[in-house]
């Protein structure tokens, strides 16, 4: 028997293989996988901020619960992607998209935990 130690650096799923070679030179591969339950957020497909009077700031708070596996979440513009290799400070405290300001930008939710998502718009 032998041991395999797995030390993940993020919440993603992993897949790899190890090669085993016998003394007669024959070898084969053993697949290795490590998967976790996917996160499941209670956020609706559309965050409806309803109407606002022109030039008047409006703040809306949406509660978000994770009923799936633990994970980090990041809000970003549609044409950009969160890079987990960057330091968290590089994301800033909020995401500005046109007249909308979303915060927090990055958050972690364990299974069953909830967080508030704040949206301000004018």
PDB file of N, CA and C in Angstrom:
ATOM      1  N   UNK A   1       0.838  -1.181   0.000  1.00  0.00           N
ATOM      2  CA  UNK A   1       0.000   0.000   0.000  1.00  0.00           C
ATOM      3  C   UNK A   1       0.883   1.244   0.000  1.00  0.00           C
ATOM      4  N   UNK A   2       0.303   2.358  -0.423  1.00  0.00           N
ATOM      5  CA  UNK A   2       1.025   3.623  -0.436  1.00  0.00           C
ATOM      6  C   UNK A   2       0.034   4.738  -0.157  1.00  0.00           C
ATOM      7  N   UNK A   3       0.548   5.887   0.217  1.00  0.00           N
ATOM      8  CA  UNK A   3      -0.304   7.032   0.548  1.00  0.00           C
ATOM      9  C   UNK A   3      -0.185   8.100  -0.527  1.00  0.00           C
ATOM     10  N   UNK A   4      -1.286   8.790  -0.754  1.00  0.00           N
ATOM     11  CA  UNK A   4      -1.318   9.946  -1.633  1.00  0.00           C
ATOM     12  C   UNK A   4      -1.799  11.111  -0.776  1.00  0.00           C
ATOM     13  N   UNK A   5      -1.037  12.168  -0.732  1.00  0.00           N
ATOM     14  CA  UNK A   5      -1.419  13.357   0.021  1.00  0.00           C
ATOM     15  C   UNK A   5      -1.930  14.406  -0.948  1.00  0.00           C
ATOM     16  N   UNK A   6      -3.077  14.954  -0.637  1.00  0.00           N
ATOM     17  CA  UNK A   6      -3.701  15.957  -1.497  1.00  0.00           C
ATOM     18  C   UNK A   6      -3.810  17.262  -0.710  1.00  0.00           C
ATOM     19  N   UNK A   7      -3.224  18.331  -1.241  1.00  0.00           N
ATOM     20  CA  UNK A   7      -3.247  19.639  -0.589  1.00  0.00           C
ATOM     21  C   UNK A   7      -3.749  20.674  -1.591  1.00  0.00           C
ATOM     22  N   UNK A   8      -5.077  20.870  -1.661  1.00  0.00           N
ATOM     23  CA  UNK A   8      -5.612  21.818  -2.650  1.00  0.00           C
ATOM     24  C   UNK A   8      -5.306  23.259  -2.276  1.00  0.00           C
ATOM     25  N   UNK A   9      -5.208  24.114  -3.294  1.00  0.00           N
ATOM     26  CA  UNK A   9      -4.975  25.531  -3.045  1.00  0.00           C
ATOM     27  C   UNK A   9      -6.203  26.371  -3.372  1.00  0.00           C
ATOM     28  N   UNK A  10      -7.319  25.708  -3.734  1.00  0.00           N
ATOM     29  CA  UNK A  10      -8.571  26.421  -3.981  1.00  0.00           C
ATOM     30  C   UNK A  10      -9.724  25.424  -3.870  1.00  0.00           C
ATOM     31  N   UNK A  11     -10.945  25.949  -4.010  1.00  0.00           N
ATOM     32  CA  UNK A  11     -12.144  25.113  -3.902  1.00  0.00           C
ATOM     33  C   UNK A  11     -12.511  24.399  -5.198  1.00  0.00           C
ATOM     34  N   UNK A  12     -11.660  24.373  -6.176  1.00  0.00           N
ATOM     35  CA  UNK A  12     -12.023  23.765  -7.466  1.00  0.00           C
ATOM     36  C   UNK A  12     -11.877  22.245  -7.424  1.00  0.00           C
ATOM     37  N   UNK A  13     -12.388  21.573  -8.453  1.00  0.00           N
ATOM     38  CA  UNK A  13     -12.220  20.135  -8.594  1.00  0.00           C
ATOM     39  C   UNK A  13     -10.872  19.855  -9.251  1.00  0.00           C
ATOM     40  N   UNK A  14     -10.289  18.720  -8.937  1.00  0.00           N
ATOM     41  CA  UNK A  14      -8.965  18.368  -9.451  1.00  0.00           C
ATOM     42  C   UNK A  14      -9.014  17.005 -10.124  1.00  0.00           C
ATOM     43  N   UNK A  15      -8.129  16.830 -11.097  1.00  0.00           N
ATOM     44  CA  UNK A  15      -8.010  15.567 -11.794  1.00  0.00           C
ATOM     45  C   UNK A  15      -6.572  15.446 -12.298  1.00  0.00           C
ATOM     46  N   UNK A  16      -5.984  14.293 -12.085  1.00  0.00           N
ATOM     47  CA  UNK A  16      -4.616  14.057 -12.530  1.00  0.00           C
ATOM     48  C   UNK A  16      -4.427  12.549 -12.615  1.00  0.00           C
ATOM     49  N   UNK A  17      -3.209  12.125 -12.818  1.00  0.00           N
ATOM     50  CA  UNK A  17      -2.916  10.696 -12.848  1.00  0.00           C
ATOM     51  C   UNK A  17      -1.483  10.461 -12.405  1.00  0.00           C
ATOM     52  N   UNK A  18      -1.246   9.257 -11.914  1.00  0.00           N
ATOM     53  CA  UNK A  18       0.119   8.868 -11.573  1.00  0.00           C
ATOM     54  C   UNK A  18       0.487   7.646 -12.404  1.00  0.00           C
ATOM     55  N   UNK A  19       1.742   7.565 -12.743  1.00  0.00           N
ATOM     56  CA  UNK A  19       2.232   6.447 -13.539  1.00  0.00           C
ATOM     57  C   UNK A  19       2.908   5.453 -12.603  1.00  0.00           C
ATOM     58  N   UNK A  20       2.528   4.187 -12.744  1.00  0.00           N
ATOM     59  CA  UNK A  20       3.123   3.116 -11.954  1.00  0.00           C
ATOM     60  C   UNK A  20       3.914   2.227 -12.907  1.00  0.00           C
ATOM     61  N   UNK A  21       5.186   2.003 -12.592  1.00  0.00           N
ATOM     62  CA  UNK A  21       6.050   1.169 -13.432  1.00  0.00           C
ATOM     63  C   UNK A  21       6.553   0.002 -12.594  1.00  0.00           C
ATOM     64  N   UNK A  22       6.419  -1.202 -13.153  1.00  0.00           N
ATOM     65  CA  UNK A  22       6.891  -2.400 -12.446  1.00  0.00           C
ATOM     66  C   UNK A  22       8.375  -2.633 -12.754  1.00  0.00           C
ATOM     67  N   UNK A  23       8.981  -3.562 -12.052  1.00  0.00           N
ATOM     68  CA  UNK A  23      10.409  -3.826 -12.238  1.00  0.00           C
ATOM     69  C   UNK A  23      10.725  -4.411 -13.609  1.00  0.00           C
ATOM     70  N   UNK A  24       9.700  -4.977 -14.267  1.00  0.00           N
ATOM     71  CA  UNK A  24       9.946  -5.500 -15.620  1.00  0.00           C
ATOM     72  C   UNK A  24       9.724  -4.433 -16.697  1.00  0.00           C
ATOM     73  N   UNK A  25       9.475  -3.176 -16.296  1.00  0.00           N
ATOM     74  CA  UNK A  25       9.366  -2.073 -17.239  1.00  0.00           C
ATOM     75  C   UNK A  25       7.960  -1.794 -17.723  1.00  0.00           C
ATOM     76  N   UNK A  26       6.999  -2.638 -17.359  1.00  0.00           N
ATOM     77  CA  UNK A  26       5.613  -2.382 -17.770  1.00  0.00           C
ATOM     78  C   UNK A  26       5.035  -1.300 -16.860  1.00  0.00           C
ATOM     79  N   UNK A  27       4.236  -0.440 -17.467  1.00  0.00           N
ATOM     80  CA  UNK A  27       3.655   0.643 -16.670  1.00  0.00           C
ATOM     81  C   UNK A  27       2.178   0.823 -17.001  1.00  0.00           C
ATOM     82  N   UNK A  28       1.501   1.470 -16.080  1.00  0.00           N
ATOM     83  CA  UNK A  28       0.092   1.811 -16.256  1.00  0.00           C
ATOM     84  C   UNK A  28      -0.188   3.084 -15.460  1.00  0.00           C
ATOM     85  N   UNK A  29      -1.328   3.690 -15.757  1.00  0.00           N
ATOM     86  CA  UNK A  29      -1.694   4.942 -15.096  1.00  0.00           C
ATOM     87  C   UNK A  29      -2.878   4.722 -14.160  1.00  0.00           C
ATOM     88  N   UNK A  30      -2.845   5.390 -13.045  1.00  0.00           N
ATOM     89  CA  UNK A  30      -3.956   5.373 -12.096  1.00  0.00           C
ATOM     90  C   UNK A  30      -4.510   6.799 -12.031  1.00  0.00           C
ATOM     91  N   UNK A  31      -5.788   6.956 -12.394  1.00  0.00           N
ATOM     92  CA  UNK A  31      -6.373   8.299 -12.319  1.00  0.00           C
ATOM     93  C   UNK A  31      -6.587   8.734 -10.867  1.00  0.00           C
ATOM     94  N   UNK A  32      -6.408  10.030 -10.628  1.00  0.00           N
ATOM     95  CA  UNK A  32      -6.659  10.629  -9.321  1.00  0.00           C
ATOM     96  C   UNK A  32      -7.692  11.742  -9.512  1.00  0.00           C
ATOM     97  N   UNK A  33      -8.706  11.760  -8.704  1.00  0.00           N
ATOM     98  CA  UNK A  33      -9.689  12.837  -8.765  1.00  0.00           C
ATOM     99  C   UNK A  33     -10.023  13.298  -7.349  1.00  0.00           C
ATOM    100  N   UNK A  34     -10.340  14.541  -7.234  1.00  0.00           N
ATOM    101  CA  UNK A  34     -10.816  15.119  -5.979  1.00  0.00           C
ATOM    102  C   UNK A  34     -11.904  16.113  -6.354  1.00  0.00           C
ATOM    103  N   UNK A  35     -13.127  15.799  -5.995  1.00  0.00           N
ATOM    104  CA  UNK A  35     -14.250  16.659  -6.347  1.00  0.00           C
ATOM    105  C   UNK A  35     -15.038  16.987  -5.084  1.00  0.00           C
ATOM    106  N   UNK A  36     -15.681  18.109  -5.128  1.00  0.00           N
ATOM    107  CA  UNK A  36     -16.472  18.564  -3.992  1.00  0.00           C
ATOM    108  C   UNK A  36     -17.872  18.909  -4.465  1.00  0.00           C
ATOM    109  N   UNK A  37     -18.804  19.032  -3.550  1.00  0.00           N
ATOM    110  CA  UNK A  37     -20.143  19.459  -3.971  1.00  0.00           C
ATOM    111  C   UNK A  37     -20.097  20.878  -4.534  1.00  0.00           C
ATOM    112  N   UNK A  38     -20.789  21.109  -5.604  1.00  0.00           N
ATOM    113  CA  UNK A  38     -20.854  22.445  -6.206  1.00  0.00           C
ATOM    114  C   UNK A  38     -21.648  23.382  -5.306  1.00  0.00           C
ATOM    115  N   UNK A  39     -21.278  24.652  -5.291  1.00  0.00           N
ATOM    116  CA  UNK A  39     -22.074  25.617  -4.523  1.00  0.00           C
ATOM    117  C   UNK A  39     -23.419  25.841  -5.198  1.00  0.00           C
ATOM    118  N   UNK A  40     -24.421  26.177  -4.417  1.00  0.00           N
ATOM    119  CA  UNK A  40     -25.753  26.492  -4.939  1.00  0.00           C
ATOM    120  C   UNK A  40     -26.218  27.765  -4.245  1.00  0.00           C
ATOM    121  N   UNK A  41     -26.249  28.861  -4.989  1.00  0.00           N
ATOM    122  CA  UNK A  41     -26.640  30.151  -4.420  1.00  0.00           C
ATOM    123  C   UNK A  41     -28.132  30.411  -4.606  1.00  0.00           C
ATOM    124  N   UNK A  42     -28.712  31.108  -3.642  1.00  0.00           N
ATOM    125  CA  UNK A  42     -30.134  31.426  -3.699  1.00  0.00           C
ATOM    126  C   UNK A  42     -30.423  32.716  -4.463  1.00  0.00           C
ATOM    127  N   UNK A  43     -29.413  33.300  -5.106  1.00  0.00           N
ATOM    128  CA  UNK A  43     -29.644  34.525  -5.870  1.00  0.00           C
ATOM    129  C   UNK A  43     -30.526  34.244  -7.082  1.00  0.00           C
ATOM    130  N   UNK A  44     -31.492  35.115  -7.342  1.00  0.00           N
ATOM    131  CA  UNK A  44     -32.307  34.925  -8.545  1.00  0.00           C
ATOM    132  C   UNK A  44     -31.489  35.214  -9.798  1.00  0.00           C
ATOM    133  N   UNK A  45     -31.978  34.774 -10.935  1.00  0.00           N
ATOM    134  CA  UNK A  45     -31.286  34.990 -12.203  1.00  0.00           C
ATOM    135  C   UNK A  45     -31.149  36.482 -12.504  1.00  0.00           C
ATOM    136  N   UNK A  46     -32.162  37.272 -12.145  1.00  0.00           N
ATOM    137  CA  UNK A  46     -32.131  38.719 -12.319  1.00  0.00           C
ATOM    138  C   UNK A  46     -32.308  39.381 -10.962  1.00  0.00           C
ATOM    139  N   UNK A  47     -31.409  40.299 -10.622  1.00  0.00           N
ATOM    140  CA  UNK A  47     -31.538  41.069  -9.389  1.00  0.00           C
ATOM    141  C   UNK A  47     -32.358  42.313  -9.714  1.00  0.00           C
ATOM    142  N   UNK A  48     -33.625  42.288  -9.397  1.00  0.00           N
ATOM    143  CA  UNK A  48     -34.552  43.354  -9.756  1.00  0.00           C
ATOM    144  C   UNK A  48     -34.458  44.487  -8.736  1.00  0.00           C
ATOM    145  N   UNK A  49     -33.915  45.603  -9.141  1.00  0.00           N
ATOM    146  CA  UNK A  49     -33.762  46.772  -8.269  1.00  0.00           C
ATOM    147  C   UNK A  49     -34.954  47.715  -8.373  1.00  0.00           C
ATOM    148  N   UNK A  50     -35.955  47.347  -9.115  1.00  0.00           N
ATOM    149  CA  UNK A  50     -37.185  48.107  -9.306  1.00  0.00           C
ATOM    150  C   UNK A  50     -36.904  49.508  -9.829  1.00  0.00           C
ATOM    151  N   UNK A  51     -37.765  50.468  -9.539  1.00  0.00           N
ATOM    152  CA  UNK A  51     -37.637  51.810 -10.121  1.00  0.00           C
ATOM    153  C   UNK A  51     -36.968  52.767  -9.134  1.00  0.00           C
ATOM    154  N   UNK A  52     -36.530  53.886  -9.676  1.00  0.00           N
ATOM    155  CA  UNK A  52     -35.907  54.924  -8.858  1.00  0.00           C
ATOM    156  C   UNK A  52     -36.224  56.278  -9.472  1.00  0.00           C
ATOM    157  N   UNK A  53     -36.324  57.280  -8.641  1.00  0.00           N
ATOM    158  CA  UNK A  53     -36.523  58.641  -9.129  1.00  0.00           C
ATOM    159  C   UNK A  53     -35.200  59.116  -9.736  1.00  0.00           C
ATOM    160  N   UNK A  54     -35.260  59.825 -10.831  1.00  0.00           N
ATOM    161  CA  UNK A  54     -34.049  60.297 -11.513  1.00  0.00           C
ATOM    162  C   UNK A  54     -33.162  61.090 -10.575  1.00  0.00           C
ATOM    163  N   UNK A  55     -31.875  60.813 -10.620  1.00  0.00           N
ATOM    164  CA  UNK A  55     -30.825  61.484  -9.847  1.00  0.00           C
ATOM    165  C   UNK A  55     -30.920  61.251  -8.339  1.00  0.00           C
ATOM    166  N   UNK A  56     -31.720  60.278  -7.921  1.00  0.00           N
ATOM    167  CA  UNK A  56     -31.826  59.934  -6.501  1.00  0.00           C
ATOM    168  C   UNK A  56     -31.213  58.556  -6.302  1.00  0.00           C
ATOM    169  N   UNK A  57     -30.260  58.456  -5.382  1.00  0.00           N
ATOM    170  CA  UNK A  57     -29.585  57.185  -5.113  1.00  0.00           C
ATOM    171  C   UNK A  57     -30.533  56.224  -4.408  1.00  0.00           C
ATOM    172  N   UNK A  58     -30.501  54.961  -4.811  1.00  0.00           N
ATOM    173  CA  UNK A  58     -31.333  53.937  -4.197  1.00  0.00           C
ATOM    174  C   UNK A  58     -30.441  52.755  -3.827  1.00  0.00           C
ATOM    175  N   UNK A  59     -30.642  52.221  -2.638  1.00  0.00           N
ATOM    176  CA  UNK A  59     -29.858  51.073  -2.169  1.00  0.00           C
ATOM    177  C   UNK A  59     -30.786  49.884  -1.959  1.00  0.00           C
ATOM    178  N   UNK A  60     -30.352  48.735  -2.469  1.00  0.00           N
ATOM    179  CA  UNK A  60     -31.099  47.492  -2.347  1.00  0.00           C
ATOM    180  C   UNK A  60     -30.159  46.440  -1.763  1.00  0.00           C
ATOM    181  N   UNK A  61     -30.685  45.598  -0.894  1.00  0.00           N
ATOM    182  CA  UNK A  61     -29.896  44.522  -0.301  1.00  0.00           C
ATOM    183  C   UNK A  61     -30.561  43.192  -0.640  1.00  0.00           C
ATOM    184  N   UNK A  62     -29.794  42.277  -1.205  1.00  0.00           N
ATOM    185  CA  UNK A  62     -30.274  40.935  -1.519  1.00  0.00           C
ATOM    186  C   UNK A  62     -29.563  39.947  -0.599  1.00  0.00           C
ATOM    187  N   UNK A  63     -30.308  39.087   0.033  1.00  0.00           N
ATOM    188  CA  UNK A  63     -29.713  38.057   0.879  1.00  0.00           C
ATOM    189  C   UNK A  63     -29.408  36.838   0.013  1.00  0.00           C
ATOM    190  N   UNK A  64     -28.244  36.273   0.196  1.00  0.00           N
ATOM    191  CA  UNK A  64     -27.788  35.152  -0.625  1.00  0.00           C
ATOM    192  C   UNK A  64     -27.360  34.009   0.296  1.00  0.00           C
ATOM    193  N   UNK A  65     -27.937  32.835   0.107  1.00  0.00           N
ATOM    194  CA  UNK A  65     -27.603  31.654   0.909  1.00  0.00           C
ATOM    195  C   UNK A  65     -26.962  30.602   0.011  1.00  0.00           C
ATOM    196  N   UNK A  66     -25.953  29.930   0.534  1.00  0.00           N
ATOM    197  CA  UNK A  66     -25.296  28.843  -0.197  1.00  0.00           C
ATOM    198  C   UNK A  66     -25.777  27.519   0.383  1.00  0.00           C
ATOM    199  N   UNK A  67     -26.574  26.782  -0.371  1.00  0.00           N
ATOM    200  CA  UNK A  67     -27.055  25.486   0.093  1.00  0.00           C
ATOM    201  C   UNK A  67     -26.233  24.332  -0.479  1.00  0.00           C
ATOM    202  N   UNK A  68     -25.164  24.652  -1.197  1.00  0.00           N
ATOM    203  CA  UNK A  68     -24.283  23.627  -1.760  1.00  0.00           C
ATOM    204  C   UNK A  68     -22.942  23.626  -1.046  1.00  0.00           C
ATOM    205  N   UNK A  69     -21.901  23.245  -1.744  1.00  0.00           N
ATOM    206  CA  UNK A  69     -20.560  23.165  -1.176  1.00  0.00           C
ATOM    207  C   UNK A  69     -19.937  24.537  -0.962  1.00  0.00           C
ATOM    208  N   UNK A  70     -19.031  24.622  -0.025  1.00  0.00           N
ATOM    209  CA  UNK A  70     -18.339  25.869   0.295  1.00  0.00           C
ATOM    210  C   UNK A  70     -17.576  26.386  -0.922  1.00  0.00           C
ATOM    211  N   UNK A  71     -17.528  27.715  -1.052  1.00  0.00           N
ATOM    212  CA  UNK A  71     -16.844  28.297  -2.211  1.00  0.00           C
ATOM    213  C   UNK A  71     -16.597  29.782  -2.013  1.00  0.00           C
ATOM    214  N   UNK A  72     -15.676  30.323  -2.827  1.00  0.00           N
ATOM    215  CA  UNK A  72     -15.468  31.750  -2.957  1.00  0.00           C
ATOM    216  C   UNK A  72     -16.278  32.221  -4.154  1.00  0.00           C
ATOM    217  N   UNK A  73     -16.754  33.453  -4.094  1.00  0.00           N
ATOM    218  CA  UNK A  73     -17.530  34.028  -5.183  1.00  0.00           C
ATOM    219  C   UNK A  73     -16.983  35.415  -5.480  1.00  0.00           C
ATOM    220  N   UNK A  74     -17.009  35.797  -6.739  1.00  0.00           N
ATOM    221  CA  UNK A  74     -16.542  37.124  -7.131  1.00  0.00           C
ATOM    222  C   UNK A  74     -17.474  37.682  -8.192  1.00  0.00           C
ATOM    223  N   UNK A  75     -17.852  38.944  -8.030  1.00  0.00           N
ATOM    224  CA  UNK A  75     -18.621  39.643  -9.054  1.00  0.00           C
ATOM    225  C   UNK A  75     -17.637  40.311 -10.008  1.00  0.00           C
ATOM    226  N   UNK A  76     -17.955  40.267 -11.292  1.00  0.00           N
ATOM    227  CA  UNK A  76     -17.104  40.913 -12.288  1.00  0.00           C
ATOM    228  C   UNK A  76     -17.971  41.358 -13.459  1.00  0.00           C
ATOM    229  N   UNK A  77     -17.406  42.204 -14.299  1.00  0.00           N
ATOM    230  CA  UNK A  77     -18.112  42.606 -15.516  1.00  0.00           C
ATOM    231  C   UNK A  77     -18.257  41.387 -16.429  1.00  0.00           C
ATOM    232  N   UNK A  78     -19.198  41.465 -17.336  1.00  0.00           N
ATOM    233  CA  UNK A  78     -19.477  40.347 -18.227  1.00  0.00           C
ATOM    234  C   UNK A  78     -18.263  39.938 -19.058  1.00  0.00           C
ATOM    235  N   UNK A  79     -17.452  40.898 -19.470  1.00  0.00           N
ATOM    236  CA  UNK A  79     -16.317  40.594 -20.354  1.00  0.00           C
ATOM    237  C   UNK A  79     -15.008  40.380 -19.596  1.00  0.00           C
ATOM    238  N   UNK A  80     -15.051  40.274 -18.281  1.00  0.00           N
ATOM    239  CA  UNK A  80     -13.849  40.007 -17.493  1.00  0.00           C
ATOM    240  C   UNK A  80     -14.074  38.766 -16.653  1.00  0.00           C
ATOM    241  N   UNK A  81     -12.987  38.240 -16.116  1.00  0.00           N
ATOM    242  CA  UNK A  81     -13.066  37.018 -15.330  1.00  0.00           C
ATOM    243  C   UNK A  81     -12.215  37.185 -14.083  1.00  0.00           C
ATOM    244  N   UNK A  82     -12.709  36.715 -12.976  1.00  0.00           N
ATOM    245  CA  UNK A  82     -11.971  36.760 -11.713  1.00  0.00           C
ATOM    246  C   UNK A  82     -10.765  35.833 -11.795  1.00  0.00           C
ATOM    247  N   UNK A  83      -9.602  36.355 -11.491  1.00  0.00           N
ATOM    248  CA  UNK A  83      -8.374  35.568 -11.491  1.00  0.00           C
ATOM    249  C   UNK A  83      -7.986  35.279 -10.041  1.00  0.00           C
ATOM    250  N   UNK A  84      -8.173  34.032  -9.578  1.00  0.00           N
ATOM    251  CA  UNK A  84      -7.891  33.721  -8.176  1.00  0.00           C
ATOM    252  C   UNK A  84      -6.422  33.858  -7.804  1.00  0.00           C
ATOM    253  N   UNK A  85      -5.524  33.976  -8.787  1.00  0.00           N
ATOM    254  CA  UNK A  85      -4.108  34.119  -8.475  1.00  0.00           C
ATOM    255  C   UNK A  85      -3.753  35.553  -8.062  1.00  0.00           C
ATOM    256  N   UNK A  86      -4.654  36.499  -8.346  1.00  0.00           N
ATOM    257  CA  UNK A  86      -4.403  37.891  -7.970  1.00  0.00           C
ATOM    258  C   UNK A  86      -4.714  38.102  -6.494  1.00  0.00           C
ATOM    259  N   UNK A  87      -4.022  39.021  -5.845  1.00  0.00           N
ATOM    260  CA  UNK A  87      -4.364  39.307  -4.446  1.00  0.00           C
ATOM    261  C   UNK A  87      -5.761  39.909  -4.350  1.00  0.00           C
ATOM    262  N   UNK A  88      -6.468  39.610  -3.268  1.00  0.00           N
ATOM    263  CA  UNK A  88      -7.835  40.102  -3.090  1.00  0.00           C
ATOM    264  C   UNK A  88      -7.918  41.619  -3.152  1.00  0.00           C
ATOM    265  N   UNK A  89      -6.857  42.319  -2.736  1.00  0.00           N
ATOM    266  CA  UNK A  89      -6.868  43.767  -2.726  1.00  0.00           C
ATOM    267  C   UNK A  89      -7.006  44.341  -4.137  1.00  0.00           C
ATOM    268  N   UNK A  90      -6.609  43.568  -5.145  1.00  0.00           N
ATOM    269  CA  UNK A  90      -6.666  44.065  -6.517  1.00  0.00           C
ATOM    270  C   UNK A  90      -8.103  44.196  -7.014  1.00  0.00           C
ATOM    271  N   UNK A  91      -9.062  43.565  -6.340  1.00  0.00           N
ATOM    272  CA  UNK A  91     -10.453  43.624  -6.768  1.00  0.00           C
ATOM    273  C   UNK A  91     -11.157  44.893  -6.311  1.00  0.00           C
ATOM    274  N   UNK A  92     -10.693  45.484  -5.232  1.00  0.00           N
ATOM    275  CA  UNK A  92     -11.364  46.658  -4.679  1.00  0.00           C
ATOM    276  C   UNK A  92     -12.549  46.246  -3.817  1.00  0.00           C
ATOM    277  N   UNK A  93     -13.229  47.239  -3.267  1.00  0.00           N
ATOM    278  CA  UNK A  93     -14.352  46.977  -2.369  1.00  0.00           C
ATOM    279  C   UNK A  93     -15.672  46.821  -3.090  1.00  0.00           C
ATOM    280  N   UNK A  94     -15.776  47.379  -4.293  1.00  0.00           N
ATOM    281  CA  UNK A  94     -17.042  47.327  -5.010  1.00  0.00           C
ATOM    282  C   UNK A  94     -16.795  47.227  -6.513  1.00  0.00           C
ATOM    283  N   UNK A  95     -17.837  46.834  -7.211  1.00  0.00           N
ATOM    284  CA  UNK A  95     -17.805  46.729  -8.666  1.00  0.00           C
ATOM    285  C   UNK A  95     -18.760  47.769  -9.220  1.00  0.00           C
ATOM    286  N   UNK A  96     -18.261  48.641 -10.092  1.00  0.00           N
ATOM    287  CA  UNK A  96     -19.091  49.679 -10.702  1.00  0.00           C
ATOM    288  C   UNK A  96     -19.397  49.255 -12.134  1.00  0.00           C
ATOM    289  N   UNK A  97     -20.693  49.140 -12.434  1.00  0.00           N
ATOM    290  CA  UNK A  97     -21.150  48.796 -13.778  1.00  0.00           C
ATOM    291  C   UNK A  97     -22.218  49.815 -14.160  1.00  0.00           C
ATOM    292  N   UNK A  98     -21.824  50.757 -14.990  1.00  0.00           N
ATOM    293  CA  UNK A  98     -22.708  51.846 -15.413  1.00  0.00           C
ATOM    294  C   UNK A  98     -23.228  52.587 -14.181  1.00  0.00           C
ATOM    295  N   UNK A  99     -24.517  52.555 -13.923  1.00  0.00           N
ATOM    296  CA  UNK A  99     -25.117  53.268 -12.779  1.00  0.00           C
ATOM    297  C   UNK A  99     -25.247  52.380 -11.541  1.00  0.00           C
ATOM    298  N   UNK A 100     -24.751  51.152 -11.610  1.00  0.00           N
ATOM    299  CA  UNK A 100     -24.871  50.205 -10.502  1.00  0.00           C
ATOM    300  C   UNK A 100     -23.536  50.040  -9.783  1.00  0.00           C
ATOM    301  N   UNK A 101     -23.590  49.967  -8.463  1.00  0.00           N
ATOM    302  CA  UNK A 101     -22.416  49.683  -7.643  1.00  0.00           C
ATOM    303  C   UNK A 101     -22.759  48.451  -6.807  1.00  0.00           C
ATOM    304  N   UNK A 102     -21.964  47.390  -6.947  1.00  0.00           N
ATOM    305  CA  UNK A 102     -22.227  46.115  -6.268  1.00  0.00           C
ATOM    306  C   UNK A 102     -21.127  45.860  -5.249  1.00  0.00           C
ATOM    307  N   UNK A 103     -21.533  45.436  -4.055  1.00  0.00           N
ATOM    308  CA  UNK A 103     -20.554  45.052  -3.038  1.00  0.00           C
ATOM    309  C   UNK A 103     -21.157  43.972  -2.146  1.00  0.00           C
ATOM    310  N   UNK A 104     -20.374  43.083  -1.604  1.00  0.00           N
ATOM    311  CA  UNK A 104     -18.929  42.974  -1.779  1.00  0.00           C
ATOM    312  C   UNK A 104     -18.598  42.377  -3.143  1.00  0.00           C
ATOM    313  N   UNK A 105     -17.368  42.576  -3.578  1.00  0.00           N
ATOM    314  CA  UNK A 105     -16.923  42.026  -4.853  1.00  0.00           C
ATOM    315  C   UNK A 105     -16.536  40.559  -4.681  1.00  0.00           C
ATOM    316  N   UNK A 106     -15.861  40.253  -3.593  1.00  0.00           N
ATOM    317  CA  UNK A 106     -15.386  38.897  -3.325  1.00  0.00           C
ATOM    318  C   UNK A 106     -15.881  38.477  -1.952  1.00  0.00           C
ATOM    319  N   UNK A 107     -16.433  37.254  -1.868  1.00  0.00           N
ATOM    320  CA  UNK A 107     -16.873  36.750  -0.579  1.00  0.00           C
ATOM    321  C   UNK A 107     -16.829  35.223  -0.583  1.00  0.00           C
ATOM    322  N   UNK A 108     -16.789  34.657   0.592  1.00  0.00           N
ATOM    323  CA  UNK A 108     -16.766  33.206   0.764  1.00  0.00           C
ATOM    324  C   UNK A 108     -18.007  32.797   1.529  1.00  0.00           C
ATOM    325  N   UNK A 109     -18.642  31.718   1.084  1.00  0.00           N
ATOM    326  CA  UNK A 109     -19.792  31.184   1.803  1.00  0.00           C
ATOM    327  C   UNK A 109     -19.606  29.690   2.043  1.00  0.00           C
ATOM    328  N   UNK A 110     -19.640  29.317   3.301  1.00  0.00           N
ATOM    329  CA  UNK A 110     -19.634  27.907   3.666  1.00  0.00           C
ATOM    330  C   UNK A 110     -21.042  27.357   3.408  1.00  0.00           C
ATOM    331  N   UNK A 111     -21.211  26.053   3.447  1.00  0.00           N
ATOM    332  CA  UNK A 111     -22.516  25.434   3.274  1.00  0.00           C
ATOM    333  C   UNK A 111     -23.477  25.947   4.340  1.00  0.00           C
ATOM    334  N   UNK A 112     -24.640  26.436   3.914  1.00  0.00           N
ATOM    335  CA  UNK A 112     -25.659  26.941   4.831  1.00  0.00           C
ATOM    336  C   UNK A 112     -25.476  28.388   5.256  1.00  0.00           C
ATOM    337  N   UNK A 113     -24.354  28.996   4.907  1.00  0.00           N
ATOM    338  CA  UNK A 113     -24.098  30.388   5.310  1.00  0.00           C
ATOM    339  C   UNK A 113     -24.775  31.352   4.343  1.00  0.00           C
ATOM    340  N   UNK A 114     -25.015  32.577   4.816  1.00  0.00           N
ATOM    341  CA  UNK A 114     -25.578  33.590   3.934  1.00  0.00           C
ATOM    342  C   UNK A 114     -24.809  34.897   4.053  1.00  0.00           C
ATOM    343  N   UNK A 115     -24.967  35.706   3.022  1.00  0.00           N
ATOM    344  CA  UNK A 115     -24.295  36.998   2.955  1.00  0.00           C
ATOM    345  C   UNK A 115     -25.232  37.982   2.273  1.00  0.00           C
ATOM    346  N   UNK A 116     -25.068  39.251   2.571  1.00  0.00           N
ATOM    347  CA  UNK A 116     -25.861  40.278   1.904  1.00  0.00           C
ATOM    348  C   UNK A 116     -25.098  40.813   0.705  1.00  0.00           C
ATOM    349  N   UNK A 117     -25.816  40.978  -0.396  1.00  0.00           N
ATOM    350  CA  UNK A 117     -25.272  41.580  -1.610  1.00  0.00           C
ATOM    351  C   UNK A 117     -25.947  42.951  -1.718  1.00  0.00           C
ATOM    352  N   UNK A 118     -25.141  44.000  -1.706  1.00  0.00           N
ATOM    353  CA  UNK A 118     -25.662  45.365  -1.732  1.00  0.00           C
ATOM    354  C   UNK A 118     -25.489  45.974  -3.108  1.00  0.00           C
ATOM    355  N   UNK A 119     -26.572  46.558  -3.600  1.00  0.00           N
ATOM    356  CA  UNK A 119     -26.530  47.241  -4.896  1.00  0.00           C
ATOM    357  C   UNK A 119     -27.048  48.665  -4.691  1.00  0.00           C
ATOM    358  N   UNK A 120     -26.259  49.617  -5.153  1.00  0.00           N
ATOM    359  CA  UNK A 120     -26.637  51.025  -5.107  1.00  0.00           C
ATOM    360  C   UNK A 120     -26.714  51.505  -6.545  1.00  0.00           C
ATOM    361  N   UNK A 121     -27.762  52.264  -6.860  1.00  0.00           N
ATOM    362  CA  UNK A 121     -27.861  52.797  -8.221  1.00  0.00           C
ATOM    363  C   UNK A 121     -28.561  54.140  -8.216  1.00  0.00           C
ATOM    364  N   UNK A 122     -28.266  54.905  -9.272  1.00  0.00           N
ATOM    365  CA  UNK A 122     -28.909  56.214  -9.454  1.00  0.00           C
ATOM    366  C   UNK A 122     -29.497  56.301 -10.848  1.00  0.00           C
TER     367      UNK A 122
END
